[in-house]
Amino acid sequence: MCYLVAKKFNDVGCLALQMTHGQHLADFKEKLMRAVGMILYSL
């Protein structure tokens, strides 16, 4: 078990999703990065 944490720069709080390790996690992270961009968010 692991957690994917999304943090918006210069803002309070974050979002954490409980996940399982594997290729599906890497694919999900890549899709999120393309959808929201990496300028304002850190995953």
N, C-alpha and C. Protein backbone atom coordinates (compact mmCIF):
# COMPACT_ATOMS: atom_id res chain seq x y z
N MET A 1 0.85 -1.17 0.00
CA MET A 1 0.00 0.00 0.00
C MET A 1 0.90 1.24 0.00
N CYS A 2 0.45 2.28 -0.71
CA CYS A 2 1.17 3.54 -0.75
C CYS A 2 0.16 4.67 -0.90
N TYR A 3 0.65 5.88 -0.87
CA TYR A 3 -0.21 7.04 -1.01
C TYR A 3 0.31 7.94 -2.12
N LEU A 4 -0.57 8.45 -2.94
CA LEU A 4 -0.25 9.46 -3.93
C LEU A 4 -0.73 10.78 -3.34
N VAL A 5 0.21 11.70 -3.13
CA VAL A 5 -0.10 12.98 -2.49
C VAL A 5 0.02 14.09 -3.51
N ALA A 6 -1.01 14.92 -3.59
CA ALA A 6 -1.02 16.08 -4.49
C ALA A 6 -0.99 17.34 -3.62
N LYS A 7 -0.03 18.21 -3.89
CA LYS A 7 0.14 19.44 -3.12
C LYS A 7 0.19 20.62 -4.08
N LYS A 8 -0.66 21.62 -3.83
CA LYS A 8 -0.64 22.84 -4.63
C LYS A 8 0.38 23.78 -4.00
N PHE A 9 1.34 24.25 -4.82
CA PHE A 9 2.38 25.14 -4.32
C PHE A 9 1.76 26.40 -3.73
N ASN A 10 2.36 26.90 -2.66
CA ASN A 10 1.95 28.14 -2.00
C ASN A 10 0.50 28.11 -1.52
N ASP A 11 0.02 26.94 -1.12
CA ASP A 11 -1.34 26.81 -0.61
C ASP A 11 -1.32 25.88 0.61
N VAL A 12 -2.34 25.95 1.42
CA VAL A 12 -2.43 25.14 2.62
C VAL A 12 -3.14 23.83 2.29
N GLY A 13 -2.62 22.73 2.83
CA GLY A 13 -3.27 21.43 2.67
C GLY A 13 -2.79 20.65 1.47
N CYS A 14 -3.32 19.44 1.37
CA CYS A 14 -2.98 18.55 0.26
C CYS A 14 -4.08 17.50 0.12
N LEU A 15 -3.97 16.69 -0.91
CA LEU A 15 -4.90 15.59 -1.16
C LEU A 15 -4.09 14.31 -1.22
N ALA A 16 -4.51 13.30 -0.48
CA ALA A 16 -3.79 12.02 -0.46
C ALA A 16 -4.75 10.90 -0.87
N LEU A 17 -4.32 10.08 -1.82
CA LEU A 17 -5.10 8.94 -2.28
C LEU A 17 -4.38 7.66 -1.92
N GLN A 18 -5.07 6.74 -1.26
CA GLN A 18 -4.49 5.44 -0.94
C GLN A 18 -4.49 4.60 -2.20
N MET A 19 -3.34 4.07 -2.56
CA MET A 19 -3.18 3.32 -3.80
C MET A 19 -2.44 2.02 -3.51
N THR A 20 -2.26 1.21 -4.55
CA THR A 20 -1.39 0.04 -4.47
C THR A 20 -0.27 0.23 -5.48
N HIS A 21 0.88 -0.35 -5.18
CA HIS A 21 2.03 -0.24 -6.07
C HIS A 21 1.75 -0.94 -7.39
N GLY A 22 2.39 -0.48 -8.44
CA GLY A 22 2.28 -1.17 -9.71
C GLY A 22 2.25 -0.21 -10.89
N GLN A 23 2.18 -0.80 -12.06
CA GLN A 23 2.19 0.00 -13.29
C GLN A 23 0.97 0.90 -13.38
N HIS A 24 -0.18 0.45 -12.85
CA HIS A 24 -1.39 1.27 -12.90
C HIS A 24 -1.20 2.58 -12.13
N LEU A 25 -0.41 2.55 -11.05
CA LEU A 25 -0.13 3.77 -10.29
C LEU A 25 0.71 4.73 -11.12
N ALA A 26 1.73 4.23 -11.79
CA ALA A 26 2.57 5.07 -12.65
C ALA A 26 1.75 5.66 -13.79
N ASP A 27 0.89 4.86 -14.40
CA ASP A 27 0.04 5.35 -15.48
C ASP A 27 -0.93 6.42 -15.00
N PHE A 28 -1.52 6.21 -13.83
CA PHE A 28 -2.46 7.18 -13.26
C PHE A 28 -1.76 8.50 -12.96
N LYS A 29 -0.54 8.43 -12.41
CA LYS A 29 0.22 9.64 -12.11
C LYS A 29 0.56 10.41 -13.39
N GLU A 30 0.95 9.72 -14.43
CA GLU A 30 1.26 10.37 -15.70
C GLU A 30 0.03 11.07 -16.27
N LYS A 31 -1.13 10.41 -16.22
CA LYS A 31 -2.37 11.02 -16.71
C LYS A 31 -2.74 12.25 -15.90
N LEU A 32 -2.57 12.19 -14.58
CA LEU A 32 -2.85 13.35 -13.74
C LEU A 32 -1.92 14.51 -14.07
N MET A 33 -0.65 14.21 -14.27
CA MET A 33 0.32 15.27 -14.58
C MET A 33 -0.03 15.94 -15.89
N ARG A 34 -0.47 15.18 -16.89
CA ARG A 34 -0.88 15.77 -18.16
C ARG A 34 -2.15 16.59 -18.02
N ALA A 35 -3.07 16.15 -17.16
CA ALA A 35 -4.36 16.83 -17.01
C ALA A 35 -4.25 18.14 -16.23
N VAL A 36 -3.50 18.16 -15.14
CA VAL A 36 -3.45 19.35 -14.29
C VAL A 36 -2.18 20.16 -14.48
N GLY A 37 -1.18 19.60 -15.11
CA GLY A 37 0.09 20.30 -15.28
C GLY A 37 0.93 20.24 -14.01
N MET A 38 2.18 20.53 -14.17
CA MET A 38 3.09 20.44 -13.02
C MET A 38 3.60 21.81 -12.58
N ILE A 39 3.02 22.88 -13.10
CA ILE A 39 3.45 24.21 -12.72
C ILE A 39 2.93 24.58 -11.34
N LEU A 40 1.67 24.26 -11.06
CA LEU A 40 1.07 24.62 -9.78
C LEU A 40 1.00 23.48 -8.78
N TYR A 41 1.18 22.24 -9.23
CA TYR A 41 0.97 21.08 -8.36
C TYR A 41 2.21 20.20 -8.30
N SER A 42 2.40 19.57 -7.18
CA SER A 42 3.45 18.57 -7.01
C SER A 42 2.79 17.25 -6.67
N LEU A 43 3.17 16.18 -7.36
CA LEU A 43 2.63 14.84 -7.08
C LEU A 43 3.73 13.96 -6.54
